Amino acid sequence: MKIVINSGKRLGWKINLEIPDEDFKRIERMAEKYGFRTEEAVKILITGDFIEDKEGITDGRLKELEVKMNELERKLYELEGKWSPLKFKTYYLAMDNRNICIQLAGMIAQNKRLREKLGLPPRDYTAIIEKIHYYLNFGDSNPEVYSEDRKPTQTPKASRAERSSSRRSV
């Protein structure tokens, strides 16, 4: 069997190897036995990246490790089967919390307007606003901005005459 190895570069090196057919068939059998592709096995043999058997690894030991690996894989799938429904439940609970927070924010705004209209004293909603920010993932925003004690500052709107005069001067 003839094997050609390239460096992968356009102007790189190129090596041609001739491997006898019986040796190549042996490489294929070994690669199939240990779960490698034939190309990977040839690469390992050429580069010398194979492991020397210093620990006395036998086929029996490999079978034992395979059984242990299959058992761990089975446990993994069991845990994943238990975890998957929990993941979906928590997702839907988080979405419910977001919807409730949106409704609560609307109710707080309505309550503030009604208290103003009725002439009732303002209330402090900072604790509730903190929870709303937590569930709506606003991050570290300052809830004190939303308390009724602090009136929002509004920039006065320019009158129609001021706007029209500014257009003419440009």
Protein backbone atom coordinates (compact mmCIF):
# COMPACT_ATOMS: atom_id res chain seq x y z
CA MET A 1 0.00 0.00 0.00
CA LYS A 2 1.37 3.38 -0.97
CA ILE A 3 0.81 6.27 1.49
CA VAL A 4 1.43 9.94 0.68
CA ILE A 5 1.85 12.39 3.57
CA ASN A 6 1.63 16.14 2.95
CA SER A 7 2.52 18.98 5.33
CA GLY A 8 -0.79 20.65 4.50
CA LYS A 9 0.92 23.76 3.18
CA ARG A 10 1.01 24.77 -0.45
CA LEU A 11 4.79 24.75 -0.70
CA GLY A 12 5.39 22.25 2.11
CA TRP A 13 6.99 18.84 2.18
CA LYS A 14 5.63 15.56 0.82
CA ILE A 15 6.57 12.01 1.87
CA ASN A 16 5.77 8.78 0.01
CA LEU A 17 5.75 5.52 1.99
CA GLU A 18 5.33 1.97 0.78
CA ILE A 19 3.74 -0.36 3.36
CA PRO A 20 3.44 -4.08 2.54
CA ASP A 21 -0.17 -5.25 2.18
CA GLU A 22 0.01 -7.80 5.04
CA ASP A 23 1.32 -5.10 7.41
CA PHE A 24 -1.38 -2.68 6.29
CA LYS A 25 -4.09 -5.33 6.89
CA ARG A 26 -2.63 -5.92 10.36
CA ILE A 27 -2.78 -2.14 11.04
CA GLU A 28 -6.42 -2.10 9.87
CA ARG A 29 -7.32 -5.02 12.20
CA MET A 30 -5.64 -3.36 15.18
CA ALA A 31 -7.30 -0.02 14.42
CA GLU A 32 -10.72 -1.69 14.20
CA LYS A 33 -10.09 -3.66 17.40
CA TYR A 34 -9.25 -0.53 19.43
CA GLY A 35 -11.74 1.82 17.77
CA PHE A 36 -9.40 3.97 15.67
CA ARG A 37 -9.75 5.00 12.07
CA THR A 38 -7.07 3.47 9.86
CA GLU A 39 -5.64 6.90 9.03
CA GLU A 40 -5.28 7.72 12.73
CA ALA A 41 -3.56 4.39 13.41
CA VAL A 42 -1.05 4.97 10.59
CA LYS A 43 -0.40 8.49 11.86
CA ILE A 44 0.21 7.19 15.39
CA LEU A 45 2.61 4.53 14.11
CA ILE A 46 4.54 6.99 11.92
CA THR A 47 4.85 9.75 14.52
CA GLY A 48 5.57 7.32 17.38
CA ASP A 49 2.73 8.61 19.57
CA PHE A 50 1.73 5.15 20.69
CA ILE A 51 1.75 4.19 24.35
CA GLU A 52 4.27 1.68 25.55
CA ASP A 53 2.79 -1.01 27.75
CA LYS A 54 4.53 -0.15 31.03
CA GLU A 55 1.49 -0.94 33.20
CA GLY A 56 0.81 -4.41 31.84
CA ILE A 57 -2.47 -3.56 30.15
CA THR A 58 -4.18 -6.69 28.91
CA ASP A 59 -7.35 -7.38 26.98
CA GLY A 60 -9.01 -8.41 30.27
CA ARG A 61 -8.11 -5.09 31.86
CA LEU A 62 -9.43 -3.24 28.80
CA LYS A 63 -12.72 -5.19 29.01
CA GLU A 64 -12.97 -4.33 32.72
CA LEU A 65 -12.43 -0.63 31.95
CA GLU A 66 -15.02 -0.81 29.16
CA VAL A 67 -17.59 -2.31 31.56
CA LYS A 68 -16.84 0.41 34.11
CA MET A 69 -17.13 3.08 31.41
CA ASN A 70 -20.49 1.67 30.23
CA GLU A 71 -21.77 1.69 33.83
CA LEU A 72 -20.72 5.32 34.29
CA GLU A 73 -22.34 6.22 30.97
CA ARG A 74 -25.58 4.53 32.10
CA LYS A 75 -25.51 6.54 35.34
CA LEU A 76 -24.90 9.69 33.34
CA TYR A 77 -27.98 9.05 31.20
CA GLU A 78 -30.07 8.37 34.33
CA LEU A 79 -28.97 11.67 35.85
CA GLU A 80 -29.59 13.48 32.59
CA GLY A 81 -33.07 11.96 32.46
CA LYS A 82 -33.80 13.32 35.95
CA TRP A 83 -32.21 16.71 35.24
CA SER A 84 -33.91 17.42 31.91
CA PRO A 85 -37.49 17.82 33.27
CA LEU A 86 -36.16 19.98 36.11
CA LYS A 87 -34.49 22.25 33.58
CA PHE A 88 -37.77 22.76 31.73
CA LYS A 89 -39.71 23.32 34.95
CA THR A 90 -37.28 25.99 36.11
CA TYR A 91 -37.44 27.67 32.71
CA TYR A 92 -41.24 27.91 32.87
CA LEU A 93 -41.12 29.10 36.49
CA ALA A 94 -38.67 31.82 35.49
CA MET A 95 -40.96 32.88 32.64
CA ASP A 96 -43.93 32.97 35.06
CA ASN A 97 -41.89 35.13 37.45
CA ARG A 98 -41.06 37.54 34.61
CA ASN A 99 -44.73 37.83 33.64
CA ILE A 100 -45.78 38.41 37.25
CA CYS A 101 -43.08 41.08 37.63
CA ILE A 102 -44.31 42.89 34.54
CA GLN A 103 -47.86 42.84 35.88
CA LEU A 104 -46.65 43.98 39.31
CA ALA A 105 -44.70 46.88 37.81
CA GLY A 106 -47.86 47.99 36.02
CA MET A 107 -49.88 47.76 39.25
CA ILE A 108 -47.27 49.81 41.13
CA ALA A 109 -47.42 52.53 38.47
CA GLN A 110 -51.23 52.51 38.62
CA ASN A 111 -51.16 52.66 42.43
CA LYS A 112 -48.79 55.64 42.32
CA ARG A 113 -51.07 57.53 39.92
CA LEU A 114 -54.19 56.75 41.99
CA ARG A 115 -52.49 57.84 45.24
CA GLU A 116 -51.48 61.09 43.57
CA LYS A 117 -55.01 61.74 42.29
CA LEU A 118 -56.58 60.92 45.66
CA GLY A 119 -54.07 63.06 47.53
CA LEU A 120 -52.77 60.14 49.64
CA PRO A 121 -49.19 60.11 50.95
CA PRO A 122 -46.64 58.36 48.69
CA ARG A 123 -45.31 54.89 49.54
CA ASP A 124 -41.83 53.47 49.23
CA TYR A 125 -41.69 50.60 46.71
CA THR A 126 -37.90 50.06 46.69
CA ALA A 127 -38.04 46.50 48.09
CA ILE A 128 -40.57 45.45 45.47
CA ILE A 129 -38.67 47.24 42.71
CA GLU A 130 -35.49 45.37 43.72
CA LYS A 131 -37.33 42.05 43.31
CA ILE A 132 -38.72 43.15 39.95
CA HIS A 133 -35.24 44.09 38.76
CA TYR A 134 -33.92 40.73 39.95
CA TYR A 135 -36.53 38.71 38.06
CA LEU A 136 -36.38 40.86 34.94
CA ASN A 137 -32.56 40.66 34.96
CA PHE A 138 -31.94 44.40 34.89
CA GLY A 139 -28.75 43.90 36.86
CA ASP A 140 -27.46 46.36 39.44
CA SER A 141 -29.73 49.27 38.66
CA ASN A 142 -30.56 51.66 41.47
CA PRO A 143 -34.12 51.08 42.82
CA GLU A 144 -34.07 54.40 44.69
CA VAL A 145 -34.69 56.12 41.39
CA TYR A 146 -38.19 54.63 41.38
CA SER A 147 -39.33 55.61 44.89
CA GLU A 148 -42.19 58.12 45.08
CA ASP A 149 -40.17 60.50 47.24
CA ARG A 150 -38.03 61.37 44.27
CA LYS A 151 -39.89 63.16 41.51
CA PRO A 152 -38.61 62.51 38.01
CA THR A 153 -36.97 65.50 36.42
CA GLN A 154 -38.50 66.51 33.13
CA THR A 155 -36.94 68.83 30.67
CA PRO A 156 -39.39 71.55 29.71
CA LYS A 157 -40.63 71.28 26.15
CA ALA A 158 -39.87 74.15 23.88
CA SER A 159 -42.86 76.11 22.76
CA ARG A 160 -44.00 76.05 19.17
CA ALA A 161 -42.70 79.58 18.64
CA GLU A 162 -39.25 78.68 20.02
CA ARG A 163 -39.02 75.62 17.77
CA SER A 164 -40.04 77.52 14.66
CA SER A 165 -37.61 80.38 15.41
CA SER A 166 -34.73 77.94 15.88
CA ARG A 167 -35.48 76.44 12.45
CA ARG A 168 -35.37 79.81 10.74
CA SER A 169 -32.04 80.80 12.26
CA VAL A 170 -30.27 77.71 10.96
